[in-house]
Amino acid sequence: MNNLLFTALLIALLYYFFYYLPSQKKLTNPPLTKPLTHSQFTQTDPNPQQKTFYCPSAQSIPDPEEIKNLQKDIQQKEKTIIGLNNSYQKLETKTKQEIDNLKQQLQEKEKKIKELSEVEKTIDNLTKSIQDLNQELD
């Protein structure tokens, strides 16, 4: 049992040091093209230290025309988004108005139905009273 545990730990350590760590080192970003040295000091800093800055490569600097085109594209997309939002709001108000109109029509029809049912009841009462009068006359 101890030999099995020992060999498992040994295999894990070998994997870690010979396979995992080298692959992690390969994934890190390489330094930028060339280091620039820049020294700057002020009166409060009596001992200027030399600082190293990395300049990006020429490939990473975008074309100014491309930036302008992208900005125009962004503005156009923003305008279309605003237009779509406005049209959505208009549609929403139209549908609310249509729903309100339909509700009003439904309420009016319900009132008419109630009135008709009341008229129907009165007609039924009148017919009953007429029948009663007919029976009395007979």
N, C-alpha and C. Protein backbone atom coordinates (compact mmCIF):
# COMPACT_ATOMS: atom_id res chain seq x y z
N MET A 1 0.82 -1.19 0.00
CA MET A 1 0.00 0.00 0.00
C MET A 1 0.87 1.25 0.00
N ASN A 2 1.92 1.24 0.82
CA ASN A 2 2.80 2.40 0.89
C ASN A 2 3.53 2.59 -0.44
N ASN A 3 3.91 1.48 -1.08
CA ASN A 3 4.59 1.59 -2.37
C ASN A 3 3.66 2.18 -3.42
N LEU A 4 2.41 1.79 -3.38
CA LEU A 4 1.44 2.31 -4.34
C LEU A 4 1.24 3.81 -4.15
N LEU A 5 1.12 4.26 -2.92
CA LEU A 5 0.97 5.68 -2.63
C LEU A 5 2.22 6.45 -3.03
N PHE A 6 3.36 5.91 -2.74
CA PHE A 6 4.62 6.54 -3.09
C PHE A 6 4.75 6.68 -4.61
N THR A 7 4.44 5.65 -5.35
CA THR A 7 4.56 5.73 -6.81
C THR A 7 3.54 6.70 -7.39
N ALA A 8 2.35 6.77 -6.81
CA ALA A 8 1.35 7.71 -7.30
C ALA A 8 1.82 9.15 -7.08
N LEU A 9 2.38 9.43 -5.91
CA LEU A 9 2.91 10.77 -5.64
C LEU A 9 4.08 11.09 -6.56
N LEU A 10 4.93 10.11 -6.79
CA LEU A 10 6.09 10.32 -7.67
C LEU A 10 5.63 10.60 -9.09
N ILE A 11 4.64 9.90 -9.58
CA ILE A 11 4.11 10.14 -10.92
C ILE A 11 3.46 11.52 -11.00
N ALA A 12 2.73 11.91 -9.96
CA ALA A 12 2.09 13.22 -9.95
C ALA A 12 3.13 14.33 -9.96
N LEU A 13 4.19 14.20 -9.20
CA LEU A 13 5.25 15.21 -9.17
C LEU A 13 5.97 15.28 -10.51
N LEU A 14 6.26 14.15 -11.11
CA LEU A 14 6.92 14.13 -12.42
C LEU A 14 6.03 14.80 -13.47
N TYR A 15 4.74 14.51 -13.45
CA TYR A 15 3.82 15.14 -14.38
C TYR A 15 3.82 16.66 -14.18
N TYR A 16 3.77 17.08 -12.91
CA TYR A 16 3.72 18.50 -12.61
C TYR A 16 4.97 19.21 -13.10
N PHE A 17 6.14 18.70 -12.80
CA PHE A 17 7.38 19.40 -13.12
C PHE A 17 7.78 19.29 -14.59
N PHE A 18 7.47 18.15 -15.24
CA PHE A 18 7.96 17.96 -16.61
C PHE A 18 6.92 18.23 -17.68
N TYR A 19 5.62 18.21 -17.33
CA TYR A 19 4.62 18.45 -18.37
C TYR A 19 3.79 19.71 -18.09
N TYR A 20 3.25 19.87 -16.90
CA TYR A 20 2.35 20.96 -16.58
C TYR A 20 3.05 22.31 -16.55
N LEU A 21 4.16 22.42 -15.83
CA LEU A 21 4.85 23.71 -15.72
C LEU A 21 5.41 24.20 -17.05
N PRO A 22 6.05 23.36 -17.87
CA PRO A 22 6.54 23.87 -19.16
C PRO A 22 5.41 24.35 -20.07
N SER A 23 4.26 23.68 -20.03
CA SER A 23 3.16 24.14 -20.87
C SER A 23 2.61 25.47 -20.37
N GLN A 24 2.65 25.72 -19.06
CA GLN A 24 2.21 27.01 -18.52
C GLN A 24 3.16 28.13 -18.94
N LYS A 25 4.43 27.84 -18.98
CA LYS A 25 5.41 28.86 -19.37
C LYS A 25 5.26 29.21 -20.85
N LYS A 26 4.84 28.28 -21.67
CA LYS A 26 4.66 28.54 -23.09
C LYS A 26 3.45 29.43 -23.34
N LEU A 27 2.45 29.39 -22.46
CA LEU A 27 1.23 30.16 -22.65
C LEU A 27 1.38 31.63 -22.29
N THR A 28 2.39 31.99 -21.53
CA THR A 28 2.54 33.39 -21.15
C THR A 28 2.89 34.23 -22.36
N ASN A 29 2.51 35.50 -22.33
CA ASN A 29 2.74 36.40 -23.46
C ASN A 29 4.21 36.74 -23.58
N PRO A 30 4.72 36.70 -24.80
CA PRO A 30 6.12 37.11 -24.98
C PRO A 30 6.23 38.63 -24.81
N PRO A 31 7.38 39.14 -24.46
CA PRO A 31 7.52 40.59 -24.31
C PRO A 31 7.30 41.27 -25.65
N LEU A 32 6.90 42.54 -25.58
CA LEU A 32 6.64 43.30 -26.80
C LEU A 32 7.94 43.51 -27.57
N THR A 33 7.82 44.10 -28.74
CA THR A 33 8.92 44.11 -29.71
C THR A 33 10.27 44.55 -29.15
N LYS A 34 10.38 45.77 -28.73
CA LYS A 34 11.68 46.22 -28.25
C LYS A 34 11.51 47.12 -27.04
N PRO A 35 12.37 46.94 -26.07
CA PRO A 35 12.25 47.79 -24.88
C PRO A 35 12.82 49.17 -25.13
N LEU A 36 12.13 50.16 -24.64
CA LEU A 36 12.60 51.53 -24.72
C LEU A 36 13.02 51.98 -23.32
N THR A 37 14.10 52.68 -23.24
CA THR A 37 14.52 53.19 -21.94
C THR A 37 14.13 54.65 -21.87
N HIS A 38 13.67 55.03 -20.72
CA HIS A 38 13.19 56.40 -20.54
C HIS A 38 13.53 56.81 -19.12
N SER A 39 14.21 57.90 -18.99
CA SER A 39 14.52 58.39 -17.65
C SER A 39 13.89 59.77 -17.49
N GLN A 40 13.26 59.94 -16.38
CA GLN A 40 12.61 61.20 -16.10
C GLN A 40 12.73 61.45 -14.61
N PHE A 41 13.11 62.64 -14.23
CA PHE A 41 13.20 62.94 -12.81
C PHE A 41 12.72 64.35 -12.57
N THR A 42 12.35 64.59 -11.35
CA THR A 42 11.90 65.91 -10.94
C THR A 42 12.82 66.41 -9.84
N GLN A 43 12.55 67.60 -9.36
CA GLN A 43 13.40 68.14 -8.31
C GLN A 43 13.21 67.38 -7.00
N THR A 44 12.03 66.80 -6.81
CA THR A 44 11.80 66.04 -5.59
C THR A 44 12.44 64.67 -5.63
N ASP A 45 12.82 64.20 -6.81
CA ASP A 45 13.42 62.88 -6.96
C ASP A 45 14.91 63.07 -7.26
N PRO A 46 15.77 63.05 -6.27
CA PRO A 46 17.17 63.34 -6.51
C PRO A 46 17.89 62.23 -7.26
N ASN A 47 17.46 61.00 -7.11
CA ASN A 47 18.12 59.89 -7.78
C ASN A 47 17.21 59.33 -8.86
N PRO A 48 17.35 59.78 -10.08
CA PRO A 48 16.47 59.25 -11.14
C PRO A 48 16.81 57.80 -11.41
N GLN A 49 15.76 57.02 -11.58
CA GLN A 49 15.96 55.61 -11.92
C GLN A 49 15.56 55.42 -13.37
N GLN A 50 16.24 54.52 -14.00
CA GLN A 50 15.96 54.26 -15.40
C GLN A 50 14.79 53.29 -15.48
N LYS A 51 13.77 53.68 -16.21
CA LYS A 51 12.57 52.86 -16.35
C LYS A 51 12.53 52.27 -17.74
N THR A 52 12.00 51.07 -17.87
CA THR A 52 11.92 50.39 -19.16
C THR A 52 10.47 50.32 -19.58
N PHE A 53 10.18 50.77 -20.80
CA PHE A 53 8.85 50.71 -21.37
C PHE A 53 8.92 49.88 -22.64
N TYR A 54 7.88 49.15 -22.90
CA TYR A 54 7.81 48.34 -24.10
C TYR A 54 6.91 49.02 -25.11
N CYS A 55 7.41 49.17 -26.31
CA CYS A 55 6.65 49.80 -27.38
C CYS A 55 5.90 48.72 -28.16
N PRO A 56 4.65 48.90 -28.46
CA PRO A 56 3.93 47.88 -29.22
C PRO A 56 4.44 47.82 -30.65
N SER A 57 4.23 46.68 -31.26
CA SER A 57 4.68 46.51 -32.64
C SER A 57 3.81 47.31 -33.59
N ALA A 58 4.26 47.48 -34.81
CA ALA A 58 3.52 48.26 -35.80
C ALA A 58 2.21 47.58 -36.18
N GLN A 59 2.13 46.28 -36.00
CA GLN A 59 0.91 45.56 -36.36
C GLN A 59 -0.24 45.89 -35.41
N SER A 60 0.07 46.25 -34.18
CA SER A 60 -1.00 46.49 -33.23
C SER A 60 -1.54 47.92 -33.29
N ILE A 61 -0.90 48.82 -34.05
CA ILE A 61 -1.40 50.19 -34.19
C ILE A 61 -2.44 50.21 -35.31
N PRO A 62 -3.70 50.54 -35.00
CA PRO A 62 -4.75 50.51 -36.02
C PRO A 62 -4.63 51.69 -36.99
N ASP A 63 -5.20 51.48 -38.15
CA ASP A 63 -5.20 52.49 -39.20
C ASP A 63 -6.21 53.59 -38.82
N PRO A 64 -5.85 54.88 -38.92
CA PRO A 64 -6.79 55.96 -38.56
C PRO A 64 -8.05 55.95 -39.41
N GLU A 65 -7.93 55.59 -40.67
CA GLU A 65 -9.13 55.53 -41.53
C GLU A 65 -10.05 54.42 -41.07
N GLU A 66 -9.46 53.33 -40.65
CA GLU A 66 -10.26 52.22 -40.15
C GLU A 66 -10.99 52.63 -38.88
N ILE A 67 -10.31 53.41 -38.04
CA ILE A 67 -10.95 53.89 -36.82
C ILE A 67 -12.12 54.80 -37.17
N LYS A 68 -11.94 55.69 -38.14
CA LYS A 68 -13.03 56.58 -38.56
C LYS A 68 -14.21 55.78 -39.10
N ASN A 69 -13.90 54.77 -39.93
CA ASN A 69 -14.96 53.94 -40.49
C ASN A 69 -15.71 53.20 -39.38
N LEU A 70 -14.96 52.71 -38.40
CA LEU A 70 -15.61 52.01 -37.30
C LEU A 70 -16.46 52.96 -36.47
N GLN A 71 -15.98 54.18 -36.27
CA GLN A 71 -16.77 55.16 -35.52
C GLN A 71 -18.05 55.51 -36.27
N LYS A 72 -17.95 55.67 -37.60
CA LYS A 72 -19.15 55.95 -38.40
C LYS A 72 -20.13 54.79 -38.30
N ASP A 73 -19.58 53.58 -38.35
CA ASP A 73 -20.41 52.38 -38.26
C ASP A 73 -21.11 52.33 -36.91
N ILE A 74 -20.39 52.66 -35.85
CA ILE A 74 -20.98 52.67 -34.52
C ILE A 74 -22.08 53.72 -34.43
N GLN A 75 -21.84 54.91 -34.97
CA GLN A 75 -22.86 55.96 -34.93
C GLN A 75 -24.10 55.54 -35.70
N GLN A 76 -23.90 54.90 -36.85
CA GLN A 76 -25.03 54.45 -37.65
C GLN A 76 -25.83 53.40 -36.89
N LYS A 77 -25.12 52.49 -36.23
CA LYS A 77 -25.82 51.45 -35.47
C LYS A 77 -26.56 52.06 -34.29
N GLU A 78 -25.98 53.07 -33.66
CA GLU A 78 -26.68 53.74 -32.56
C GLU A 78 -27.95 54.42 -33.06
N LYS A 79 -27.87 55.04 -34.24
CA LYS A 79 -29.06 55.69 -34.81
C LYS A 79 -30.14 54.66 -35.11
N THR A 80 -29.74 53.51 -35.67
CA THR A 80 -30.75 52.49 -35.97
C THR A 80 -31.35 51.94 -34.68
N ILE A 81 -30.54 51.81 -33.63
CA ILE A 81 -31.08 51.34 -32.35
C ILE A 81 -32.08 52.34 -31.80
N ILE A 82 -31.75 53.61 -31.88
CA ILE A 82 -32.67 54.65 -31.40
C ILE A 82 -33.96 54.63 -32.22
N GLY A 83 -33.82 54.49 -33.55
CA GLY A 83 -35.00 54.42 -34.40
C GLY A 83 -35.86 53.21 -34.09
N LEU A 84 -35.22 52.07 -33.86
CA LEU A 84 -35.98 50.87 -33.52
C LEU A 84 -36.67 51.02 -32.17
N ASN A 85 -36.00 51.64 -31.22
CA ASN A 85 -36.64 51.87 -29.92
C ASN A 85 -37.85 52.79 -30.06
N ASN A 86 -37.72 53.84 -30.87
CA ASN A 86 -38.85 54.75 -31.08
C ASN A 86 -40.01 54.03 -31.75
N SER A 87 -39.71 53.22 -32.77
CA SER A 87 -40.80 52.50 -33.45
C SER A 87 -41.44 51.48 -32.52
N TYR A 88 -40.64 50.87 -31.66
CA TYR A 88 -41.19 49.93 -30.69
C TYR A 88 -42.14 50.65 -29.73
N GLN A 89 -41.74 51.85 -29.29
CA GLN A 89 -42.61 52.60 -28.39
C GLN A 89 -43.90 53.01 -29.09
N LYS A 90 -43.80 53.39 -30.36
CA LYS A 90 -45.01 53.74 -31.11
C LYS A 90 -45.94 52.54 -31.23
N LEU A 91 -45.36 51.38 -31.55
CA LEU A 91 -46.17 50.18 -31.66
C LEU A 91 -46.81 49.83 -30.32
N GLU A 92 -46.06 50.02 -29.27
CA GLU A 92 -46.58 49.72 -27.95
C GLU A 92 -47.76 50.62 -27.61
N THR A 93 -47.65 51.92 -27.93
CA THR A 93 -48.77 52.83 -27.64
C THR A 93 -49.96 52.50 -28.54
N LYS A 94 -49.70 52.14 -29.81
CA LYS A 94 -50.81 51.78 -30.69
C LYS A 94 -51.55 50.56 -30.16
N THR A 95 -50.79 49.55 -29.75
CA THR A 95 -51.46 48.34 -29.25
C THR A 95 -52.21 48.63 -27.95
N LYS A 96 -51.67 49.50 -27.10
CA LYS A 96 -52.40 49.86 -25.89
C LYS A 96 -53.70 50.57 -26.23
N GLN A 97 -53.64 51.46 -27.22
CA GLN A 97 -54.84 52.17 -27.63
C GLN A 97 -55.86 51.20 -28.21
N GLU A 98 -55.39 50.26 -29.03
CA GLU A 98 -56.31 49.28 -29.62
C GLU A 98 -56.93 48.41 -28.54
N ILE A 99 -56.13 48.03 -27.55
CA ILE A 99 -56.66 47.21 -26.46
C ILE A 99 -57.70 48.01 -25.67
N ASP A 100 -57.41 49.28 -25.42
CA ASP A 100 -58.37 50.12 -24.70
C ASP A 100 -59.67 50.27 -25.49
N ASN A 101 -59.55 50.45 -26.82
CA ASN A 101 -60.75 50.55 -27.67
C ASN A 101 -61.55 49.26 -27.62
N LEU A 102 -60.86 48.13 -27.69
CA LEU A 102 -61.56 46.86 -27.64
C LEU A 102 -62.25 46.66 -26.28
N LYS A 103 -61.60 47.10 -25.21
CA LYS A 103 -62.22 47.00 -23.89
C LYS A 103 -63.49 47.84 -23.82
N GLN A 104 -63.42 49.06 -24.38
CA GLN A 104 -64.60 49.93 -24.38
C GLN A 104 -65.73 49.30 -25.19
N GLN A 105 -65.40 48.74 -26.35
CA GLN A 105 -66.42 48.09 -27.17
C GLN A 105 -67.03 46.91 -26.43
N LEU A 106 -66.21 46.16 -25.74
CA LEU A 106 -66.70 45.01 -24.99
C LEU A 106 -67.63 45.46 -23.86
N GLN A 107 -67.25 46.53 -23.18
CA GLN A 107 -68.10 47.05 -22.11
C GLN A 107 -69.44 47.53 -22.66
N GLU A 108 -69.41 48.21 -23.82
CA GLU A 108 -70.65 48.67 -24.44
C GLU A 108 -71.54 47.50 -24.83
N LYS A 109 -70.93 46.45 -25.38
CA LYS A 109 -71.72 45.28 -25.77
C LYS A 109 -72.30 44.59 -24.54
N GLU A 110 -71.53 44.54 -23.45
CA GLU A 110 -72.06 43.94 -22.22
C GLU A 110 -73.24 44.74 -21.69
N LYS A 111 -73.16 46.08 -21.78
CA LYS A 111 -74.28 46.92 -21.35
C LYS A 111 -75.51 46.65 -22.21
N LYS A 112 -75.29 46.53 -23.52
CA LYS A 112 -76.42 46.25 -24.43
C LYS A 112 -77.04 44.91 -24.12
N ILE A 113 -76.18 43.92 -23.82
CA ILE A 113 -76.69 42.59 -23.49
C ILE A 113 -77.52 42.64 -22.21
N LYS A 114 -77.05 43.40 -21.22
CA LYS A 114 -77.82 43.55 -19.97
C LYS A 114 -79.16 44.23 -20.24
N GLU A 115 -79.12 45.26 -21.09
CA GLU A 115 -80.36 45.96 -21.43
C GLU A 115 -81.32 45.02 -22.15
N LEU A 116 -80.78 44.21 -23.08
CA LEU A 116 -81.63 43.27 -23.81
C LEU A 116 -82.20 42.21 -22.88
N SER A 117 -81.40 41.77 -21.93
CA SER A 117 -81.93 40.77 -20.99
C SER A 117 -83.04 41.38 -20.13
N GLU A 118 -82.89 42.64 -19.76
CA GLU A 118 -83.94 43.31 -19.00
C GLU A 118 -85.19 43.47 -19.84
N VAL A 119 -85.02 43.83 -21.11
CA VAL A 119 -86.17 43.96 -22.01
C VAL A 119 -86.84 42.60 -22.18
N GLU A 120 -86.03 41.56 -22.27
CA GLU A 120 -86.56 40.21 -22.42
C GLU A 120 -87.39 39.83 -21.20
N LYS A 121 -86.89 40.19 -20.03
CA LYS A 121 -87.62 39.90 -18.79
C LYS A 121 -88.95 40.65 -18.76
N THR A 122 -88.92 41.91 -19.16
CA THR A 122 -90.17 42.68 -19.15
C THR A 122 -91.16 42.10 -20.16
N ILE A 123 -90.63 41.67 -21.32
CA ILE A 123 -91.53 41.05 -22.32
C ILE A 123 -92.12 39.77 -21.77
N ASP A 124 -91.30 38.98 -21.08
CA ASP A 124 -91.81 37.75 -20.47
C ASP A 124 -92.88 38.06 -19.43
N ASN A 125 -92.66 39.08 -18.64
CA ASN A 125 -93.66 39.49 -17.64
C ASN A 125 -94.95 39.96 -18.31
N LEU A 126 -94.78 40.72 -19.38
CA LEU A 126 -95.97 41.18 -20.09
C LEU A 126 -96.75 40.03 -20.70
N THR A 127 -96.03 39.09 -21.30
CA THR A 127 -96.74 37.94 -21.89
C THR A 127 -97.46 37.13 -20.82
N LYS A 128 -96.83 36.98 -19.66
CA LYS A 128 -97.48 36.26 -18.55
C LYS A 128 -98.73 37.01 -18.08
N SER A 129 -98.57 38.31 -17.99
CA SER A 129 -99.75 39.09 -17.54
C SER A 129 -100.86 39.04 -18.59
N ILE A 130 -100.49 39.04 -19.86
CA ILE A 130 -101.51 38.92 -20.93
C ILE A 130 -102.18 37.56 -20.86
N GLN A 131 -101.39 36.52 -20.62
CA GLN A 131 -101.98 35.18 -20.50
C GLN A 131 -102.92 35.10 -19.30
N ASP A 132 -102.50 35.72 -18.24
CA ASP A 132 -103.35 35.75 -17.04
C ASP A 132 -104.67 36.48 -17.33
N LEU A 133 -104.58 37.57 -18.04
CA LEU A 133 -105.78 38.32 -18.38
C LEU A 133 -106.68 37.51 -19.31
N ASN A 134 -106.08 36.81 -20.22
CA ASN A 134 -106.85 35.96 -21.13
C ASN A 134 -107.58 34.86 -20.36
N GLN A 135 -106.91 34.30 -19.38
CA GLN A 135 -107.53 33.25 -18.59
C GLN A 135 -108.67 33.81 -17.72
N GLU A 136 -108.48 35.00 -17.27
CA GLU A 136 -109.54 35.61 -16.46
C GLU A 136 -110.76 35.94 -17.33
N LEU A 137 -110.51 36.33 -18.54
CA LEU A 137 -111.62 36.66 -19.44
C LEU A 137 -112.35 35.43 -19.90
N ASP A 138 -111.69 34.37 -19.94
CA ASP A 138 -112.36 33.13 -20.36
C ASP A 138 -113.21 32.62 -19.27
